[in-house]
Amino acid sequence: MYEYEYAQIRSAELIRQAEQERQVREAVRSRRAARREAAARSAEHESHIPGLRRLRSNARAA
């Protein structure tokens, strides 16, 4: 009987662990997507400002 109960407990623990790992992957995926969207918005915004790229490259060189 103990072996069956142990197997049930172990199975439940593995299921919880898998769910937690899935949630972590989902959170990482969401953060990456948000960063990509922010970068795309920033790049789009910067493309509408004349001379901004030149100003930034000059600032980096200084």
PDB file of N, CA and C in Angstrom:
ATOM      1  N   MET A   1       0.821  -1.199   0.000  1.00  0.00           N
ATOM      2  CA  MET A   1       0.000   0.000   0.000  1.00  0.00           C
ATOM      3  C   MET A   1       0.862   1.259   0.000  1.00  0.00           C
ATOM      4  N   TYR A   2       1.972   1.233   0.732  1.00  0.00           N
ATOM      5  CA  TYR A   2       2.831   2.409   0.790  1.00  0.00           C
ATOM      6  C   TYR A   2       3.411   2.751  -0.576  1.00  0.00           C
ATOM      7  N   GLU A   3       3.737   1.737  -1.336  1.00  0.00           N
ATOM      8  CA  GLU A   3       4.308   1.987  -2.658  1.00  0.00           C
ATOM      9  C   GLU A   3       3.306   2.699  -3.557  1.00  0.00           C
ATOM     10  N   TYR A   4       2.052   2.296  -3.498  1.00  0.00           N
ATOM     11  CA  TYR A   4       1.010   2.942  -4.303  1.00  0.00           C
ATOM     12  C   TYR A   4       0.853   4.397  -3.879  1.00  0.00           C
ATOM     13  N   GLU A   5       0.796   4.648  -2.580  1.00  0.00           N
ATOM     14  CA  GLU A   5       0.643   6.021  -2.090  1.00  0.00           C
ATOM     15  C   GLU A   5       1.851   6.871  -2.476  1.00  0.00           C
ATOM     16  N   TYR A   6       3.037   6.283  -2.347  1.00  0.00           N
ATOM     17  CA  TYR A   6       4.240   7.006  -2.730  1.00  0.00           C
ATOM     18  C   TYR A   6       4.200   7.354  -4.219  1.00  0.00           C
ATOM     19  N   ALA A   7       3.770   6.429  -5.035  1.00  0.00           N
ATOM     20  CA  ALA A   7       3.673   6.672  -6.473  1.00  0.00           C
ATOM     21  C   ALA A   7       2.668   7.791  -6.765  1.00  0.00           C
ATOM     22  N   GLN A   8       1.569   7.801  -6.039  1.00  0.00           N
ATOM     23  CA  GLN A   8       0.560   8.858  -6.224  1.00  0.00           C
ATOM     24  C   GLN A   8       1.126  10.219  -5.830  1.00  0.00           C
ATOM     25  N   ILE A   9       1.821  10.256  -4.702  1.00  0.00           N
ATOM     26  CA  ILE A   9       2.412  11.518  -4.238  1.00  0.00           C
ATOM     27  C   ILE A   9       3.461  12.000  -5.235  1.00  0.00           C
ATOM     28  N   ARG A  10       4.294  11.090  -5.685  1.00  0.00           N
ATOM     29  CA  ARG A  10       5.351  11.443  -6.643  1.00  0.00           C
ATOM     30  C   ARG A  10       4.742  11.939  -7.957  1.00  0.00           C
ATOM     31  N   SER A  11       3.697  11.293  -8.404  1.00  0.00           N
ATOM     32  CA  SER A  11       3.028  11.708  -9.632  1.00  0.00           C
ATOM     33  C   SER A  11       2.457  13.124  -9.482  1.00  0.00           C
ATOM     34  N   ALA A  12       1.800  13.368  -8.370  1.00  0.00           N
ATOM     35  CA  ALA A  12       1.231  14.697  -8.133  1.00  0.00           C
ATOM     36  C   ALA A  12       2.331  15.752  -8.089  1.00  0.00           C
ATOM     37  N   GLU A  13       3.456  15.433  -7.458  1.00  0.00           N
ATOM     38  CA  GLU A  13       4.577  16.373  -7.381  1.00  0.00           C
ATOM     39  C   GLU A  13       5.147  16.653  -8.767  1.00  0.00           C
ATOM     40  N   LEU A  14       5.295  15.629  -9.584  1.00  0.00           N
ATOM     41  CA  LEU A  14       5.803  15.824 -10.936  1.00  0.00           C
ATOM     42  C   LEU A  14       4.856  16.684 -11.768  1.00  0.00           C
ATOM     43  N   ILE A  15       3.561  16.483 -11.578  1.00  0.00           N
ATOM     44  CA  ILE A  15       2.564  17.292 -12.298  1.00  0.00           C
ATOM     45  C   ILE A  15       2.665  18.749 -11.865  1.00  0.00           C
ATOM     46  N   ARG A  16       2.805  19.002 -10.554  1.00  0.00           N
ATOM     47  CA  ARG A  16       2.947  20.380 -10.061  1.00  0.00           C
ATOM     48  C   ARG A  16       4.225  21.015 -10.609  1.00  0.00           C
ATOM     49  N   GLN A  17       5.297  20.260 -10.610  1.00  0.00           N
ATOM     50  CA  GLN A  17       6.567  20.771 -11.112  1.00  0.00           C
ATOM     51  C   GLN A  17       6.471  21.109 -12.598  1.00  0.00           C
ATOM     52  N   ALA A  18       5.852  20.254 -13.366  1.00  0.00           N
ATOM     53  CA  ALA A  18       5.688  20.511 -14.799  1.00  0.00           C
ATOM     54  C   ALA A  18       4.839  21.759 -15.035  1.00  0.00           C
ATOM     55  N   GLU A  19       3.792  21.939 -14.239  1.00  0.00           N
ATOM     56  CA  GLU A  19       2.936  23.111 -14.371  1.00  0.00           C
ATOM     57  C   GLU A  19       3.715  24.386 -14.035  1.00  0.00           C
ATOM     58  N   GLN A  20       4.515  24.328 -12.991  1.00  0.00           N
ATOM     59  CA  GLN A  20       5.316  25.488 -12.619  1.00  0.00           C
ATOM     60  C   GLN A  20       6.322  25.828 -13.717  1.00  0.00           C
ATOM     61  N   GLU A  21       6.974  24.835 -14.264  1.00  0.00           N
ATOM     62  CA  GLU A  21       7.926  25.075 -15.346  1.00  0.00           C
ATOM     63  C   GLU A  21       7.234  25.648 -16.579  1.00  0.00           C
ATOM     64  N   ARG A  22       6.023  25.178 -16.858  1.00  0.00           N
ATOM     65  CA  ARG A  22       5.257  25.715 -17.987  1.00  0.00           C
ATOM     66  C   ARG A  22       4.932  27.188 -17.753  1.00  0.00           C
ATOM     67  N   GLN A  23       4.556  27.526 -16.523  1.00  0.00           N
ATOM     68  CA  GLN A  23       4.239  28.923 -16.207  1.00  0.00           C
ATOM     69  C   GLN A  23       5.470  29.812 -16.338  1.00  0.00           C
ATOM     70  N   VAL A  24       6.623  29.309 -15.932  1.00  0.00           N
ATOM     71  CA  VAL A  24       7.861  30.072 -16.062  1.00  0.00           C
ATOM     72  C   VAL A  24       8.171  30.311 -17.536  1.00  0.00           C
ATOM     73  N   ARG A  25       8.060  29.271 -18.353  1.00  0.00           N
ATOM     74  CA  ARG A  25       8.312  29.431 -19.792  1.00  0.00           C
ATOM     75  C   ARG A  25       7.349  30.443 -20.402  1.00  0.00           C
ATOM     76  N   GLU A  26       6.098  30.387 -19.996  1.00  0.00           N
ATOM     77  CA  GLU A  26       5.099  31.310 -20.518  1.00  0.00           C
ATOM     78  C   GLU A  26       5.426  32.752 -20.117  1.00  0.00           C
ATOM     79  N   ALA A  27       5.864  32.948 -18.870  1.00  0.00           N
ATOM     80  CA  ALA A  27       6.225  34.293 -18.416  1.00  0.00           C
ATOM     81  C   ALA A  27       7.425  34.820 -19.193  1.00  0.00           C
ATOM     82  N   VAL A  28       8.418  33.980 -19.412  1.00  0.00           N
ATOM     83  CA  VAL A  28       9.602  34.390 -20.177  1.00  0.00           C
ATOM     84  C   VAL A  28       9.199  34.739 -21.602  1.00  0.00           C
ATOM     85  N   ARG A  29       8.355  33.917 -22.197  1.00  0.00           N
ATOM     86  CA  ARG A  29       7.890  34.169 -23.557  1.00  0.00           C
ATOM     87  C   ARG A  29       7.139  35.502 -23.637  1.00  0.00           C
ATOM     88  N   SER A  30       6.315  35.783 -22.631  1.00  0.00           N
ATOM     89  CA  SER A  30       5.560  37.041 -22.609  1.00  0.00           C
ATOM     90  C   SER A  30       6.491  38.240 -22.478  1.00  0.00           C
ATOM     91  N   ARG A  31       7.496  38.123 -21.601  1.00  0.00           N
ATOM     92  CA  ARG A  31       8.446  39.226 -21.435  1.00  0.00           C
ATOM     93  C   ARG A  31       9.223  39.480 -22.713  1.00  0.00           C
ATOM     94  N   ARG A  32       9.646  38.414 -23.374  1.00  0.00           N
ATOM     95  CA  ARG A  32      10.372  38.585 -24.641  1.00  0.00           C
ATOM     96  C   ARG A  32       9.497  39.276 -25.677  1.00  0.00           C
ATOM     97  N   ALA A  33       8.243  38.848 -25.762  1.00  0.00           N
ATOM     98  CA  ALA A  33       7.324  39.452 -26.729  1.00  0.00           C
ATOM     99  C   ALA A  33       7.127  40.937 -26.418  1.00  0.00           C
ATOM    100  N   ALA A  34       7.005  41.269 -25.141  1.00  0.00           N
ATOM    101  CA  ALA A  34       6.821  42.669 -24.757  1.00  0.00           C
ATOM    102  C   ALA A  34       8.054  43.491 -25.113  1.00  0.00           C
ATOM    103  N   ARG A  35       9.247  42.919 -24.889  1.00  0.00           N
ATOM    104  CA  ARG A  35      10.482  43.632 -25.249  1.00  0.00           C
ATOM    105  C   ARG A  35      10.570  43.837 -26.756  1.00  0.00           C
ATOM    106  N   ARG A  36      10.199  42.799 -27.522  1.00  0.00           N
ATOM    107  CA  ARG A  36      10.239  42.935 -28.989  1.00  0.00           C
ATOM    108  C   ARG A  36       9.267  44.011 -29.455  1.00  0.00           C
ATOM    109  N   GLU A  37       8.070  44.037 -28.880  1.00  0.00           N
ATOM    110  CA  GLU A  37       7.084  45.048 -29.274  1.00  0.00           C
ATOM    111  C   GLU A  37       7.564  46.447 -28.908  1.00  0.00           C
ATOM    112  N   ALA A  38       8.148  46.586 -27.720  1.00  0.00           N
ATOM    113  CA  ALA A  38       8.656  47.888 -27.299  1.00  0.00           C
ATOM    114  C   ALA A  38       9.790  48.340 -28.215  1.00  0.00           C
ATOM    115  N   ALA A  39      10.672  47.426 -28.574  1.00  0.00           N
ATOM    116  CA  ALA A  39      11.774  47.771 -29.466  1.00  0.00           C
ATOM    117  C   ALA A  39      11.248  48.170 -30.840  1.00  0.00           C
ATOM    118  N   ALA A  40      10.245  47.459 -31.312  1.00  0.00           N
ATOM    119  CA  ALA A  40       9.670  47.785 -32.619  1.00  0.00           C
ATOM    120  C   ALA A  40       9.000  49.158 -32.584  1.00  0.00           C
ATOM    121  N   ARG A  41       8.263  49.438 -31.498  1.00  0.00           N
ATOM    122  CA  ARG A  41       7.623  50.759 -31.373  1.00  0.00           C
ATOM    123  C   ARG A  41       8.678  51.858 -31.297  1.00  0.00           C
ATOM    124  N   SER A  42       9.743  51.599 -30.542  1.00  0.00           N
ATOM    125  CA  SER A  42      10.810  52.584 -30.400  1.00  0.00           C
ATOM    126  C   SER A  42      11.483  52.841 -31.740  1.00  0.00           C
ATOM    127  N   ALA A  43      11.780  51.769 -32.469  1.00  0.00           N
ATOM    128  CA  ALA A  43      12.421  51.909 -33.775  1.00  0.00           C
ATOM    129  C   ALA A  43      11.504  52.652 -34.743  1.00  0.00           C
ATOM    130  N   GLU A  44      10.217  52.357 -34.683  1.00  0.00           N
ATOM    131  CA  GLU A  44       9.273  53.037 -35.572  1.00  0.00           C
ATOM    132  C   GLU A  44       9.193  54.510 -35.215  1.00  0.00           C
ATOM    133  N   HIS A  45       9.146  54.790 -33.928  1.00  0.00           N
ATOM    134  CA  HIS A  45       9.073  56.171 -33.472  1.00  0.00           C
ATOM    135  C   HIS A  45      10.332  56.933 -33.884  1.00  0.00           C
ATOM    136  N   GLU A  46      11.495  56.315 -33.698  1.00  0.00           N
ATOM    137  CA  GLU A  46      12.752  56.970 -34.030  1.00  0.00           C
ATOM    138  C   GLU A  46      12.889  57.207 -35.532  1.00  0.00           C
ATOM    139  N   SER A  47      12.293  56.356 -36.323  1.00  0.00           N
ATOM    140  CA  SER A  47      12.402  56.522 -37.777  1.00  0.00           C
ATOM    141  C   SER A  47      11.656  57.769 -38.257  1.00  0.00           C
ATOM    142  N   HIS A  48      10.761  58.295 -37.428  1.00  0.00           N
ATOM    143  CA  HIS A  48       9.994  59.479 -37.800  1.00  0.00           C
ATOM    144  C   HIS A  48      10.647  60.766 -37.319  1.00  0.00           C
ATOM    145  N   ILE A  49      11.778  60.662 -36.629  1.00  0.00           N
ATOM    146  CA  ILE A  49      12.464  61.851 -36.117  1.00  0.00           C
ATOM    147  C   ILE A  49      13.728  62.073 -36.939  1.00  0.00           C
ATOM    148  N   PRO A  50      13.733  63.093 -37.789  1.00  0.00           N
ATOM    149  CA  PRO A  50      14.888  63.324 -38.654  1.00  0.00           C
ATOM    150  C   PRO A  50      16.146  63.642 -37.834  1.00  0.00           C
ATOM    151  N   GLY A  51      17.261  63.048 -38.201  1.00  0.00           N
ATOM    152  CA  GLY A  51      18.536  63.340 -37.583  1.00  0.00           C
ATOM    153  C   GLY A  51      18.777  62.666 -36.243  1.00  0.00           C
ATOM    154  N   LEU A  52      17.815  61.924 -35.731  1.00  0.00           N
ATOM    155  CA  LEU A  52      17.985  61.307 -34.415  1.00  0.00           C
ATOM    156  C   LEU A  52      19.099  60.278 -34.426  1.00  0.00           C
ATOM    157  N   ARG A  53      19.191  59.503 -35.481  1.00  0.00           N
ATOM    158  CA  ARG A  53      20.226  58.479 -35.566  1.00  0.00           C
ATOM    159  C   ARG A  53      21.622  59.129 -35.530  1.00  0.00           C
ATOM    160  N   ARG A  54      21.771  60.235 -36.251  1.00  0.00           N
ATOM    161  CA  ARG A  54      23.056  60.935 -36.273  1.00  0.00           C
ATOM    162  C   ARG A  54      23.381  61.484 -34.886  1.00  0.00           C
ATOM    163  N   LEU A  55      22.391  62.042 -34.188  1.00  0.00           N
ATOM    164  CA  LEU A  55      22.624  62.554 -32.843  1.00  0.00           C
ATOM    165  C   LEU A  55      23.048  61.457 -31.895  1.00  0.00           C
ATOM    166  N   ARG A  56      22.399  60.311 -31.985  1.00  0.00           N
ATOM    167  CA  ARG A  56      22.751  59.196 -31.107  1.00  0.00           C
ATOM    168  C   ARG A  56      24.146  58.661 -31.382  1.00  0.00           C
ATOM    169  N   SER A  57      24.511  58.550 -32.658  1.00  0.00           N
ATOM    170  CA  SER A  57      25.833  58.038 -32.970  1.00  0.00           C
ATOM    171  C   SER A  57      26.902  59.030 -32.530  1.00  0.00           C
ATOM    172  N   ASN A  58      26.630  60.325 -32.625  1.00  0.00           N
ATOM    173  CA  ASN A  58      27.571  61.332 -32.149  1.00  0.00           C
ATOM    174  C   ASN A  58      27.710  61.266 -30.631  1.00  0.00           C
ATOM    175  N   ALA A  59      26.630  61.026 -29.936  1.00  0.00           N
ATOM    176  CA  ALA A  59      26.655  60.945 -28.476  1.00  0.00           C
ATOM    177  C   ALA A  59      27.449  59.709 -28.021  1.00  0.00           C
ATOM    178  N   ARG A  60      27.322  58.625 -28.745  1.00  0.00           N
ATOM    179  CA  ARG A  60      28.074  57.407 -28.392  1.00  0.00           C
ATOM    180  C   ARG A  60      29.560  57.599 -28.629  1.00  0.00           C
ATOM    181  N   ALA A  61      29.907  58.329 -29.677  1.00  0.00           N
ATOM    182  CA  ALA A  61      31.316  58.543 -30.013  1.00  0.00           C
ATOM    183  C   ALA A  61      32.009  59.456 -29.004  1.00  0.00           C
ATOM    184  N   ALA A  62      31.246  60.328 -28.368  1.00  0.00           N
ATOM    185  CA  ALA A  62      31.844  61.298 -27.422  1.00  0.00           C
ATOM    186  C   ALA A  62      32.199  60.701 -26.102  1.00  0.00           C
TER     187      ALA A  62
END
